[in-house]
Amino acid sequence: MTQYLVAIHLPDNYDPSKEDAAMIRDIDALNEEMVAAGIRLFVGGLNPVSKAISVRAAPDGGLLVTDGPYLETKEHVGGFWVLECASKDEAVEWGRKAAIACRAPVEVRAFN
């Protein structure tokens, strides 16, 4: 079986205090469903993008460490699941459920 990343994309100004009890219940139910199906390998939420640290190779061969995200965008990955699914279609179906539960866009991508 193939492993898939299901990543939740949030706007940079996302306010987690807006997550209501219904949304938290929906995400909890999705996690329970994934565990019952035996496909969830790992799940994690991430700190706000404002707390990111970026490490880049510097032209002189050293490293440049800076506060903030690697890319300046309007969205960031706010959390993710690593799933093991029998097919891409199955992974996309779990991604659909994640988008509904999280009320946010979701990206589904296979690991090499």
PDB file of N, CA and C in Angstrom:
ATOM      1  N   MET A   1       0.842  -1.179   0.000  1.00  0.00           N
ATOM      2  CA  MET A   1       0.000   0.000   0.000  1.00  0.00           C
ATOM      3  C   MET A   1       0.892   1.250   0.000  1.00  0.00           C
ATOM      4  N   THR A   2       0.363   2.290  -0.565  1.00  0.00           N
ATOM      5  CA  THR A   2       1.084   3.548  -0.694  1.00  0.00           C
ATOM      6  C   THR A   2       0.752   4.472   0.466  1.00  0.00           C
ATOM      7  N   GLN A   3       1.739   5.242   0.896  1.00  0.00           N
ATOM      8  CA  GLN A   3       1.515   6.238   1.933  1.00  0.00           C
ATOM      9  C   GLN A   3       1.226   7.590   1.284  1.00  0.00           C
ATOM     10  N   TYR A   4       0.298   8.326   1.879  1.00  0.00           N
ATOM     11  CA  TYR A   4      -0.140   9.625   1.363  1.00  0.00           C
ATOM     12  C   TYR A   4      -0.080  10.677   2.457  1.00  0.00           C
ATOM     13  N   LEU A   5       0.293  11.869   2.048  1.00  0.00           N
ATOM     14  CA  LEU A   5       0.203  13.033   2.904  1.00  0.00           C
ATOM     15  C   LEU A   5      -1.123  13.718   2.601  1.00  0.00           C
ATOM     16  N   VAL A   6      -1.901  13.982   3.620  1.00  0.00           N
ATOM     17  CA  VAL A   6      -3.130  14.765   3.491  1.00  0.00           C
ATOM     18  C   VAL A   6      -2.890  16.020   4.323  1.00  0.00           C
ATOM     19  N   ALA A   7      -2.624  17.141   3.643  1.00  0.00           N
ATOM     20  CA  ALA A   7      -2.230  18.381   4.305  1.00  0.00           C
ATOM     21  C   ALA A   7      -3.357  19.400   4.274  1.00  0.00           C
ATOM     22  N   ILE A   8      -3.599  20.019   5.411  1.00  0.00           N
ATOM     23  CA  ILE A   8      -4.634  21.043   5.541  1.00  0.00           C
ATOM     24  C   ILE A   8      -3.984  22.406   5.279  1.00  0.00           C
ATOM     25  N   HIS A   9      -4.562  23.184   4.383  1.00  0.00           N
ATOM     26  CA  HIS A   9      -4.036  24.510   4.072  1.00  0.00           C
ATOM     27  C   HIS A   9      -4.902  25.578   4.741  1.00  0.00           C
ATOM     28  N   LEU A  10      -4.258  26.458   5.491  1.00  0.00           N
ATOM     29  CA  LEU A  10      -4.952  27.520   6.219  1.00  0.00           C
ATOM     30  C   LEU A  10      -4.428  28.883   5.768  1.00  0.00           C
ATOM     31  N   PRO A  11      -5.263  29.905   5.838  1.00  0.00           N
ATOM     32  CA  PRO A  11      -4.768  31.248   5.520  1.00  0.00           C
ATOM     33  C   PRO A  11      -3.763  31.697   6.591  1.00  0.00           C
ATOM     34  N   ASP A  12      -2.821  32.542   6.206  1.00  0.00           N
ATOM     35  CA  ASP A  12      -1.812  32.997   7.162  1.00  0.00           C
ATOM     36  C   ASP A  12      -2.430  33.690   8.376  1.00  0.00           C
ATOM     37  N   ASN A  13      -3.573  34.312   8.209  1.00  0.00           N
ATOM     38  CA  ASN A  13      -4.212  35.002   9.336  1.00  0.00           C
ATOM     39  C   ASN A  13      -5.231  34.104  10.054  1.00  0.00           C
ATOM     40  N   TYR A  14      -5.097  32.789   9.928  1.00  0.00           N
ATOM     41  CA  TYR A  14      -6.036  31.847  10.543  1.00  0.00           C
ATOM     42  C   TYR A  14      -6.086  32.056  12.057  1.00  0.00           C
ATOM     43  N   ASP A  15      -7.278  32.073  12.578  1.00  0.00           N
ATOM     44  CA  ASP A  15      -7.499  32.267  14.005  1.00  0.00           C
ATOM     45  C   ASP A  15      -8.082  30.988  14.601  1.00  0.00           C
ATOM     46  N   PRO A  16      -7.267  30.187  15.299  1.00  0.00           N
ATOM     47  CA  PRO A  16      -7.765  28.922  15.834  1.00  0.00           C
ATOM     48  C   PRO A  16      -8.888  29.088  16.853  1.00  0.00           C
ATOM     49  N   SER A  17      -9.048  30.272  17.406  1.00  0.00           N
ATOM     50  CA  SER A  17     -10.143  30.475  18.356  1.00  0.00           C
ATOM     51  C   SER A  17     -11.506  30.413  17.658  1.00  0.00           C
ATOM     52  N   LYS A  18     -11.522  30.461  16.332  1.00  0.00           N
ATOM     53  CA  LYS A  18     -12.771  30.370  15.566  1.00  0.00           C
ATOM     54  C   LYS A  18     -13.238  28.921  15.395  1.00  0.00           C
ATOM     55  N   GLU A  19     -12.404  27.965  15.829  1.00  0.00           N
ATOM     56  CA  GLU A  19     -12.786  26.554  15.728  1.00  0.00           C
ATOM     57  C   GLU A  19     -13.851  26.278  16.779  1.00  0.00           C
ATOM     58  N   ASP A  20     -15.046  25.960  16.329  1.00  0.00           N
ATOM     59  CA  ASP A  20     -16.137  25.727  17.275  1.00  0.00           C
ATOM     60  C   ASP A  20     -16.202  24.253  17.679  1.00  0.00           C
ATOM     61  N   ALA A  21     -17.075  23.959  18.614  1.00  0.00           N
ATOM     62  CA  ALA A  21     -17.203  22.597  19.130  1.00  0.00           C
ATOM     63  C   ALA A  21     -17.593  21.608  18.039  1.00  0.00           C
ATOM     64  N   ALA A  22     -18.429  22.032  17.097  1.00  0.00           N
ATOM     65  CA  ALA A  22     -18.848  21.137  16.011  1.00  0.00           C
ATOM     66  C   ALA A  22     -17.658  20.754  15.136  1.00  0.00           C
ATOM     67  N   MET A  23     -16.799  21.708  14.838  1.00  0.00           N
ATOM     68  CA  MET A  23     -15.631  21.412  14.015  1.00  0.00           C
ATOM     69  C   MET A  23     -14.684  20.460  14.744  1.00  0.00           C
ATOM     70  N   ILE A  24     -14.457  20.690  16.008  1.00  0.00           N
ATOM     71  CA  ILE A  24     -13.581  19.817  16.788  1.00  0.00           C
ATOM     72  C   ILE A  24     -14.157  18.405  16.850  1.00  0.00           C
ATOM     73  N   ARG A  25     -15.473  18.286  17.028  1.00  0.00           N
ATOM     74  CA  ARG A  25     -16.119  16.961  17.019  1.00  0.00           C
ATOM     75  C   ARG A  25     -15.947  16.288  15.666  1.00  0.00           C
ATOM     76  N   ASP A  26     -16.098  17.045  14.575  1.00  0.00           N
ATOM     77  CA  ASP A  26     -15.960  16.469  13.229  1.00  0.00           C
ATOM     78  C   ASP A  26     -14.543  15.959  12.987  1.00  0.00           C
ATOM     79  N   ILE A  27     -13.553  16.714  13.438  1.00  0.00           N
ATOM     80  CA  ILE A  27     -12.157  16.278  13.265  1.00  0.00           C
ATOM     81  C   ILE A  27     -11.875  15.062  14.135  1.00  0.00           C
ATOM     82  N   ASP A  28     -12.362  15.060  15.371  1.00  0.00           N
ATOM     83  CA  ASP A  28     -12.189  13.898  16.248  1.00  0.00           C
ATOM     84  C   ASP A  28     -12.843  12.655  15.635  1.00  0.00           C
ATOM     85  N   ALA A  29     -14.045  12.818  15.086  1.00  0.00           N
ATOM     86  CA  ALA A  29     -14.755  11.693  14.467  1.00  0.00           C
ATOM     87  C   ALA A  29     -13.980  11.175  13.258  1.00  0.00           C
ATOM     88  N   LEU A  30     -13.418  12.082  12.461  1.00  0.00           N
ATOM     89  CA  LEU A  30     -12.617  11.671  11.306  1.00  0.00           C
ATOM     90  C   LEU A  30     -11.394  10.885  11.766  1.00  0.00           C
ATOM     91  N   ASN A  31     -10.715  11.365  12.802  1.00  0.00           N
ATOM     92  CA  ASN A  31      -9.555  10.636  13.319  1.00  0.00           C
ATOM     93  C   ASN A  31      -9.948   9.251  13.806  1.00  0.00           C
ATOM     94  N   GLU A  32     -11.069   9.145  14.505  1.00  0.00           N
ATOM     95  CA  GLU A  32     -11.537   7.835  14.969  1.00  0.00           C
ATOM     96  C   GLU A  32     -11.852   6.919  13.791  1.00  0.00           C
ATOM     97  N   GLU A  33     -12.462   7.478  12.743  1.00  0.00           N
ATOM     98  CA  GLU A  33     -12.779   6.688  11.546  1.00  0.00           C
ATOM     99  C   GLU A  33     -11.510   6.189  10.868  1.00  0.00           C
ATOM    100  N   MET A  34     -10.496   7.053  10.787  1.00  0.00           N
ATOM    101  CA  MET A  34      -9.222   6.659  10.173  1.00  0.00           C
ATOM    102  C   MET A  34      -8.545   5.545  10.968  1.00  0.00           C
ATOM    103  N   VAL A  35      -8.559   5.669  12.295  1.00  0.00           N
ATOM    104  CA  VAL A  35      -7.967   4.635  13.143  1.00  0.00           C
ATOM    105  C   VAL A  35      -8.729   3.320  12.967  1.00  0.00           C
ATOM    106  N   ALA A  36     -10.053   3.377  12.972  1.00  0.00           N
ATOM    107  CA  ALA A  36     -10.871   2.163  12.816  1.00  0.00           C
ATOM    108  C   ALA A  36     -10.616   1.496  11.464  1.00  0.00           C
ATOM    109  N   ALA A  37     -10.361   2.309  10.430  1.00  0.00           N
ATOM    110  CA  ALA A  37     -10.085   1.761   9.097  1.00  0.00           C
ATOM    111  C   ALA A  37      -8.655   1.236   8.977  1.00  0.00           C
ATOM    112  N   GLY A  38      -7.813   1.538   9.971  1.00  0.00           N
ATOM    113  CA  GLY A  38      -6.435   1.050   9.967  1.00  0.00           C
ATOM    114  C   GLY A  38      -5.525   1.752   8.964  1.00  0.00           C
ATOM    115  N   ILE A  39      -5.879   2.980   8.569  1.00  0.00           N
ATOM    116  CA  ILE A  39      -5.084   3.661   7.546  1.00  0.00           C
ATOM    117  C   ILE A  39      -4.256   4.822   8.104  1.00  0.00           C
ATOM    118  N   ARG A  40      -4.541   5.282   9.302  1.00  0.00           N
ATOM    119  CA  ARG A  40      -3.837   6.441   9.853  1.00  0.00           C
ATOM    120  C   ARG A  40      -2.518   6.011  10.477  1.00  0.00           C
ATOM    121  N   LEU A  41      -1.419   6.571   9.949  1.00  0.00           N
ATOM    122  CA  LEU A  41      -0.096   6.288  10.485  1.00  0.00           C
ATOM    123  C   LEU A  41       0.366   7.377  11.439  1.00  0.00           C
ATOM    124  N   PHE A  42       0.003   8.621  11.132  1.00  0.00           N
ATOM    125  CA  PHE A  42       0.440   9.756  11.944  1.00  0.00           C
ATOM    126  C   PHE A  42      -0.463  10.933  11.652  1.00  0.00           C
ATOM    127  N   VAL A  43      -0.682  11.770  12.650  1.00  0.00           N
ATOM    128  CA  VAL A  43      -1.444  13.005  12.488  1.00  0.00           C
ATOM    129  C   VAL A  43      -0.773  14.078  13.332  1.00  0.00           C
ATOM    130  N   GLY A  44      -0.778  15.310  12.846  1.00  0.00           N
ATOM    131  CA  GLY A  44      -0.179  16.381  13.628  1.00  0.00           C
ATOM    132  C   GLY A  44      -0.674  17.747  13.200  1.00  0.00           C
ATOM    133  N   GLY A  45      -0.902  18.587  14.157  1.00  0.00           N
ATOM    134  CA  GLY A  45      -1.188  19.991  13.902  1.00  0.00           C
ATOM    135  C   GLY A  45       0.102  20.773  14.068  1.00  0.00           C
ATOM    136  N   LEU A  46       0.221  21.876  13.366  1.00  0.00           N
ATOM    137  CA  LEU A  46       1.432  22.677  13.402  1.00  0.00           C
ATOM    138  C   LEU A  46       1.183  24.020  14.073  1.00  0.00           C
ATOM    139  N   ASN A  47       2.223  24.585  14.665  1.00  0.00           N
ATOM    140  CA  ASN A  47       2.152  25.936  15.209  1.00  0.00           C
ATOM    141  C   ASN A  47       1.870  26.922  14.090  1.00  0.00           C
ATOM    142  N   PRO A  48       1.436  28.133  14.428  1.00  0.00           N
ATOM    143  CA  PRO A  48       1.198  29.142  13.395  1.00  0.00           C
ATOM    144  C   PRO A  48       2.463  29.399  12.574  1.00  0.00           C
ATOM    145  N   VAL A  49       2.260  29.781  11.325  1.00  0.00           N
ATOM    146  CA  VAL A  49       3.382  30.031  10.422  1.00  0.00           C
ATOM    147  C   VAL A  49       4.287  31.140  10.959  1.00  0.00           C
ATOM    148  N   SER A  50       3.761  32.022  11.785  1.00  0.00           N
ATOM    149  CA  SER A  50       4.571  33.096  12.364  1.00  0.00           C
ATOM    150  C   SER A  50       5.661  32.557  13.285  1.00  0.00           C
ATOM    151  N   LYS A  51       5.533  31.314  13.730  1.00  0.00           N
ATOM    152  CA  LYS A  51       6.537  30.715  14.609  1.00  0.00           C
ATOM    153  C   LYS A  51       7.518  29.812  13.856  1.00  0.00           C
ATOM    154  N   ALA A  52       7.443  29.803  12.530  1.00  0.00           N
ATOM    155  CA  ALA A  52       8.327  28.960  11.720  1.00  0.00           C
ATOM    156  C   ALA A  52       9.762  29.493  11.751  1.00  0.00           C
ATOM    157  N   ILE A  53      10.697  28.602  11.541  1.00  0.00           N
ATOM    158  CA  ILE A  53      12.111  28.928  11.364  1.00  0.00           C
ATOM    159  C   ILE A  53      12.521  28.323  10.026  1.00  0.00           C
ATOM    160  N   SER A  54      13.194  29.109   9.205  1.00  0.00           N
ATOM    161  CA  SER A  54      13.661  28.625   7.908  1.00  0.00           C
ATOM    162  C   SER A  54      15.176  28.495   7.920  1.00  0.00           C
ATOM    163  N   VAL A  55      15.665  27.423   7.331  1.00  0.00           N
ATOM    164  CA  VAL A  55      17.106  27.190   7.203  1.00  0.00           C
ATOM    165  C   VAL A  55      17.399  27.041   5.712  1.00  0.00           C
ATOM    166  N   ARG A  56      18.318  27.888   5.220  1.00  0.00           N
ATOM    167  CA  ARG A  56      18.660  27.881   3.796  1.00  0.00           C
ATOM    168  C   ARG A  56      20.172  27.763   3.648  1.00  0.00           C
ATOM    169  N   ALA A  57      20.582  27.168   2.544  1.00  0.00           N
ATOM    170  CA  ALA A  57      22.003  27.154   2.206  1.00  0.00           C
ATOM    171  C   ALA A  57      22.397  28.557   1.766  1.00  0.00           C
ATOM    172  N   ALA A  58      23.475  29.073   2.322  1.00  0.00           N
ATOM    173  CA  ALA A  58      23.973  30.403   1.958  1.00  0.00           C
ATOM    174  C   ALA A  58      24.975  30.275   0.812  1.00  0.00           C
ATOM    175  N   PRO A  59      25.148  31.327   0.023  1.00  0.00           N
ATOM    176  CA  PRO A  59      26.097  31.277  -1.101  1.00  0.00           C
ATOM    177  C   PRO A  59      27.518  30.921  -0.682  1.00  0.00           C
ATOM    178  N   ASP A  60      27.893  31.260   0.552  1.00  0.00           N
ATOM    179  CA  ASP A  60      29.255  30.978   1.009  1.00  0.00           C
ATOM    180  C   ASP A  60      29.418  29.546   1.520  1.00  0.00           C
ATOM    181  N   GLY A  61      28.381  28.720   1.394  1.00  0.00           N
ATOM    182  CA  GLY A  61      28.434  27.332   1.839  1.00  0.00           C
ATOM    183  C   GLY A  61      27.923  27.135   3.254  1.00  0.00           C
ATOM    184  N   GLY A  62      27.673  28.225   3.954  1.00  0.00           N
ATOM    185  CA  GLY A  62      27.126  28.126   5.300  1.00  0.00           C
ATOM    186  C   GLY A  62      25.619  27.999   5.271  1.00  0.00           C
ATOM    187  N   LEU A  63      25.018  28.251   6.396  1.00  0.00           N
ATOM    188  CA  LEU A  63      23.565  28.183   6.504  1.00  0.00           C
ATOM    189  C   LEU A  63      23.027  29.521   6.982  1.00  0.00           C
ATOM    190  N   LEU A  64      21.880  29.872   6.461  1.00  0.00           N
ATOM    191  CA  LEU A  64      21.182  31.088   6.865  1.00  0.00           C
ATOM    192  C   LEU A  64      19.914  30.668   7.595  1.00  0.00           C
ATOM    193  N   VAL A  65      19.802  31.028   8.867  1.00  0.00           N
ATOM    194  CA  VAL A  65      18.644  30.680   9.688  1.00  0.00           C
ATOM    195  C   VAL A  65      17.867  31.963   9.940  1.00  0.00           C
ATOM    196  N   THR A  66      16.586  31.961   9.571  1.00  0.00           N
ATOM    197  CA  THR A  66      15.755  33.149   9.743  1.00  0.00           C
ATOM    198  C   THR A  66      14.417  32.782  10.370  1.00  0.00           C
ATOM    199  N   ASP A  67      13.812  33.753  11.036  1.00  0.00           N
ATOM    200  CA  ASP A  67      12.457  33.573  11.550  1.00  0.00           C
ATOM    201  C   ASP A  67      11.492  33.655  10.387  1.00  0.00           C
ATOM    202  N   GLY A  68      10.434  32.882  10.470  1.00  0.00           N
ATOM    203  CA  GLY A  68       9.386  32.962   9.464  1.00  0.00           C
ATOM    204  C   GLY A  68       9.386  31.788   8.513  1.00  0.00           C
ATOM    205  N   PRO A  69       8.363  31.727   7.687  1.00  0.00           N
ATOM    206  CA  PRO A  69       8.210  30.603   6.755  1.00  0.00           C
ATOM    207  C   PRO A  69       9.233  30.668   5.621  1.00  0.00           C
ATOM    208  N   TYR A  70       9.435  29.537   4.988  1.00  0.00           N
ATOM    209  CA  TYR A  70      10.348  29.448   3.844  1.00  0.00           C
ATOM    210  C   TYR A  70       9.833  30.279   2.683  1.00  0.00           C
ATOM    211  N   LEU A  71       8.544  30.193   2.426  1.00  0.00           N
ATOM    212  CA  LEU A  71       7.927  30.935   1.329  1.00  0.00           C
ATOM    213  C   LEU A  71       6.974  31.986   1.871  1.00  0.00           C
ATOM    214  N   GLU A  72       6.925  33.118   1.230  1.00  0.00           N
ATOM    215  CA  GLU A  72       5.936  34.144   1.559  1.00  0.00           C
ATOM    216  C   GLU A  72       4.695  33.863   0.708  1.00  0.00           C
ATOM    217  N   THR A  73       3.667  33.341   1.326  1.00  0.00           N
ATOM    218  CA  THR A  73       2.426  32.999   0.627  1.00  0.00           C
ATOM    219  C   THR A  73       1.252  33.497   1.461  1.00  0.00           C
ATOM    220  N   LYS A  74       0.068  33.294   0.956  1.00  0.00           N
ATOM    221  CA  LYS A  74      -1.133  33.682   1.700  1.00  0.00           C
ATOM    222  C   LYS A  74      -1.717  32.509   2.474  1.00  0.00           C
ATOM    223  N   GLU A  75      -1.183  31.310   2.240  1.00  0.00           N
ATOM    224  CA  GLU A  75      -1.634  30.104   2.933  1.00  0.00           C
ATOM    225  C   GLU A  75      -0.424  29.339   3.447  1.00  0.00           C
ATOM    226  N   HIS A  76      -0.668  28.441   4.383  1.00  0.00           N
ATOM    227  CA  HIS A  76       0.380  27.577   4.913  1.00  0.00           C
ATOM    228  C   HIS A  76      -0.244  26.239   5.310  1.00  0.00           C
ATOM    229  N   VAL A  77       0.605  25.251   5.528  1.00  0.00           N
ATOM    230  CA  VAL A  77       0.136  23.956   6.019  1.00  0.00           C
ATOM    231  C   VAL A  77      -0.088  24.099   7.516  1.00  0.00           C
ATOM    232  N   GLY A  78      -1.307  23.832   7.948  1.00  0.00           N
ATOM    233  CA  GLY A  78      -1.658  23.974   9.354  1.00  0.00           C
ATOM    234  C   GLY A  78      -1.647  22.664  10.111  1.00  0.00           C
ATOM    235  N   GLY A  79      -1.710  21.572   9.396  1.00  0.00           N
ATOM    236  CA  GLY A  79      -1.705  20.252  10.008  1.00  0.00           C
ATOM    237  C   GLY A  79      -1.745  19.211   8.913  1.00  0.00           C
ATOM    238  N   PHE A  80      -1.587  17.947   9.301  1.00  0.00           N
ATOM    239  CA  PHE A  80      -1.536  16.910   8.278  1.00  0.00           C
ATOM    240  C   PHE A  80      -1.774  15.529   8.879  1.00  0.00           C
ATOM    241  N   TRP A  81      -2.094  14.610   7.997  1.00  0.00           N
ATOM    242  CA  TRP A  81      -2.161  13.190   8.305  1.00  0.00           C
ATOM    243  C   TRP A  81      -1.203  12.472   7.367  1.00  0.00           C
ATOM    244  N   VAL A  82      -0.643  11.376   7.826  1.00  0.00           N
ATOM    245  CA  VAL A  82       0.044  10.430   6.958  1.00  0.00           C
ATOM    246  C   VAL A  82      -0.802   9.171   6.992  1.00  0.00           C
ATOM    247  N   LEU A  83      -1.314   8.799   5.819  1.00  0.00           N
ATOM    248  CA  LEU A  83      -2.219   7.657   5.696  1.00  0.00           C
ATOM    249  C   LEU A  83      -1.597   6.588   4.813  1.00  0.00           C
ATOM    250  N   GLU A  84      -1.994   5.360   5.028  1.00  0.00           N
ATOM    251  CA  GLU A  84      -1.597   4.267   4.147  1.00  0.00           C
ATOM    252  C   GLU A  84      -2.860   3.740   3.488  1.00  0.00           C
ATOM    253  N   CYS A  85      -2.971   3.970   2.191  1.00  0.00           N
ATOM    254  CA  CYS A  85      -4.198   3.647   1.454  1.00  0.00           C
ATOM    255  C   CYS A  85      -3.915   2.680   0.320  1.00  0.00           C
ATOM    256  N   ALA A  86      -4.928   1.944  -0.056  1.00  0.00           N
ATOM    257  CA  ALA A  86      -4.803   0.963  -1.126  1.00  0.00           C
ATOM    258  C   ALA A  86      -4.735   1.616  -2.509  1.00  0.00           C
ATOM    259  N   SER A  87      -5.247   2.846  -2.633  1.00  0.00           N
ATOM    260  CA  SER A  87      -5.265   3.498  -3.946  1.00  0.00           C
ATOM    261  C   SER A  87      -5.307   5.015  -3.784  1.00  0.00           C
ATOM    262  N   LYS A  88      -4.998   5.698  -4.873  1.00  0.00           N
ATOM    263  CA  LYS A  88      -5.105   7.156  -4.879  1.00  0.00           C
ATOM    264  C   LYS A  88      -6.548   7.574  -4.639  1.00  0.00           C
ATOM    265  N   ASP A  89      -7.490   6.860  -5.228  1.00  0.00           N
ATOM    266  CA  ASP A  89      -8.901   7.196  -5.041  1.00  0.00           C
ATOM    267  C   ASP A  89      -9.303   7.120  -3.569  1.00  0.00           C
ATOM    268  N   GLU A  90      -8.806   6.110  -2.862  1.00  0.00           N
ATOM    269  CA  GLU A  90      -9.112   6.002  -1.431  1.00  0.00           C
ATOM    270  C   GLU A  90      -8.504   7.191  -0.680  1.00  0.00           C
ATOM    271  N   ALA A  91      -7.268   7.553  -0.993  1.00  0.00           N
ATOM    272  CA  ALA A  91      -6.617   8.691  -0.332  1.00  0.00           C
ATOM    273  C   ALA A  91      -7.382   9.982  -0.594  1.00  0.00           C
ATOM    274  N   VAL A  92      -7.851  10.169  -1.830  1.00  0.00           N
ATOM    275  CA  VAL A  92      -8.617  11.368  -2.160  1.00  0.00           C
ATOM    276  C   VAL A  92      -9.939  11.392  -1.398  1.00  0.00           C
ATOM    277  N   GLU A  93     -10.550  10.241  -1.211  1.00  0.00           N
ATOM    278  CA  GLU A  93     -11.790  10.183  -0.432  1.00  0.00           C
ATOM    279  C   GLU A  93     -11.544  10.615   1.012  1.00  0.00           C
ATOM    280  N   TRP A  94     -10.425  10.170   1.603  1.00  0.00           N
ATOM    281  CA  TRP A  94     -10.081  10.633   2.948  1.00  0.00           C
ATOM    282  C   TRP A  94      -9.775  12.130   2.930  1.00  0.00           C
ATOM    283  N   GLY A  95      -9.135  12.613   1.873  1.00  0.00           N
ATOM    284  CA  GLY A  95      -8.883  14.047   1.743  1.00  0.00           C
ATOM    285  C   GLY A  95     -10.178  14.831   1.669  1.00  0.00           C
ATOM    286  N   ARG A  96     -11.167  14.292   0.971  1.00  0.00           N
ATOM    287  CA  ARG A  96     -12.476  14.949   0.898  1.00  0.00           C
ATOM    288  C   ARG A  96     -13.097  15.060   2.290  1.00  0.00           C
ATOM    289  N   LYS A  97     -13.021  13.974   3.045  1.00  0.00           N
ATOM    290  CA  LYS A  97     -13.561  13.990   4.409  1.00  0.00           C
ATOM    291  C   LYS A  97     -12.801  14.984   5.291  1.00  0.00           C
ATOM    292  N   ALA A  98     -11.490  15.087   5.089  1.00  0.00           N
ATOM    293  CA  ALA A  98     -10.681  16.033   5.857  1.00  0.00           C
ATOM    294  C   ALA A  98     -11.063  17.470   5.533  1.00  0.00           C
ATOM    295  N   ALA A  99     -11.289  17.758   4.258  1.00  0.00           N
ATOM    296  CA  ALA A  99     -11.679  19.118   3.857  1.00  0.00           C
ATOM    297  C   ALA A  99     -13.015  19.504   4.487  1.00  0.00           C
ATOM    298  N   ILE A 100     -13.928  18.557   4.566  1.00  0.00           N
ATOM    299  CA  ILE A 100     -15.232  18.823   5.183  1.00  0.00           C
ATOM    300  C   ILE A 100     -15.069  19.041   6.690  1.00  0.00           C
ATOM    301  N   ALA A 101     -14.335  18.140   7.361  1.00  0.00           N
ATOM    302  CA  ALA A 101     -14.177  18.240   8.815  1.00  0.00           C
ATOM    303  C   ALA A 101     -13.412  19.497   9.220  1.00  0.00           C
ATOM    304  N   CYS A 102     -12.374  19.841   8.458  1.00  0.00           N
ATOM    305  CA  CYS A 102     -11.514  20.980   8.812  1.00  0.00           C
ATOM    306  C   CYS A 102     -12.012  22.299   8.248  1.00  0.00           C
ATOM    307  N   ARG A 103     -12.986  22.199   7.327  1.00  0.00           N
ATOM    308  CA  ARG A 103     -13.523  23.414   6.700  1.00  0.00           C
ATOM    309  C   ARG A 103     -12.408  24.249   6.066  1.00  0.00           C
ATOM    310  N   ALA A 104     -11.512  23.519   5.359  1.00  0.00           N
ATOM    311  CA  ALA A 104     -10.352  24.149   4.739  1.00  0.00           C
ATOM    312  C   ALA A 104      -9.898  23.308   3.544  1.00  0.00           C
ATOM    313  N   PRO A 105      -9.182  23.926   2.607  1.00  0.00           N
ATOM    314  CA  PRO A 105      -8.640  23.155   1.485  1.00  0.00           C
ATOM    315  C   PRO A 105      -7.625  22.112   1.978  1.00  0.00           C
ATOM    316  N   VAL A 106      -7.579  20.999   1.274  1.00  0.00           N
ATOM    317  CA  VAL A 106      -6.691  19.903   1.636  1.00  0.00           C
ATOM    318  C   VAL A 106      -5.936  19.458   0.387  1.00  0.00           C
ATOM    319  N   GLU A 107      -4.666  19.138   0.564  1.00  0.00           N
ATOM    320  CA  GLU A 107      -3.839  18.598  -0.514  1.00  0.00           C
ATOM    321  C   GLU A 107      -3.552  17.126  -0.211  1.00  0.00           C
ATOM    322  N   VAL A 108      -3.687  16.276  -1.218  1.00  0.00           N
ATOM    323  CA  VAL A 108      -3.404  14.849  -1.078  1.00  0.00           C
ATOM    324  C   VAL A 108      -2.232  14.537  -2.008  1.00  0.00           C
ATOM    325  N   ARG A 109      -1.170  13.965  -1.431  1.00  0.00           N
ATOM    326  CA  ARG A 109       0.014  13.684  -2.256  1.00  0.00           C
ATOM    327  C   ARG A 109       0.671  12.389  -1.785  1.00  0.00           C
ATOM    328  N   ALA A 110       1.024  11.520  -2.725  1.00  0.00           N
ATOM    329  CA  ALA A 110       1.678  10.257  -2.395  1.00  0.00           C
ATOM    330  C   ALA A 110       3.158  10.481  -2.072  1.00  0.00           C
ATOM    331  N   PHE A 111       3.673   9.645  -1.173  1.00  0.00           N
ATOM    332  CA  PHE A 111       5.103   9.623  -0.928  1.00  0.00           C
ATOM    333  C   PHE A 111       5.756   8.772  -2.020  1.00  0.00           C
ATOM    334  N   ASN A 112       6.992   9.088  -2.359  1.00  0.00           N
ATOM    335  CA  ASN A 112       7.737   8.268  -3.343  1.00  0.00           C
ATOM    336  C   ASN A 112       8.167   6.979  -2.736  1.00  0.00           C
TER     337      ASN A 112
END
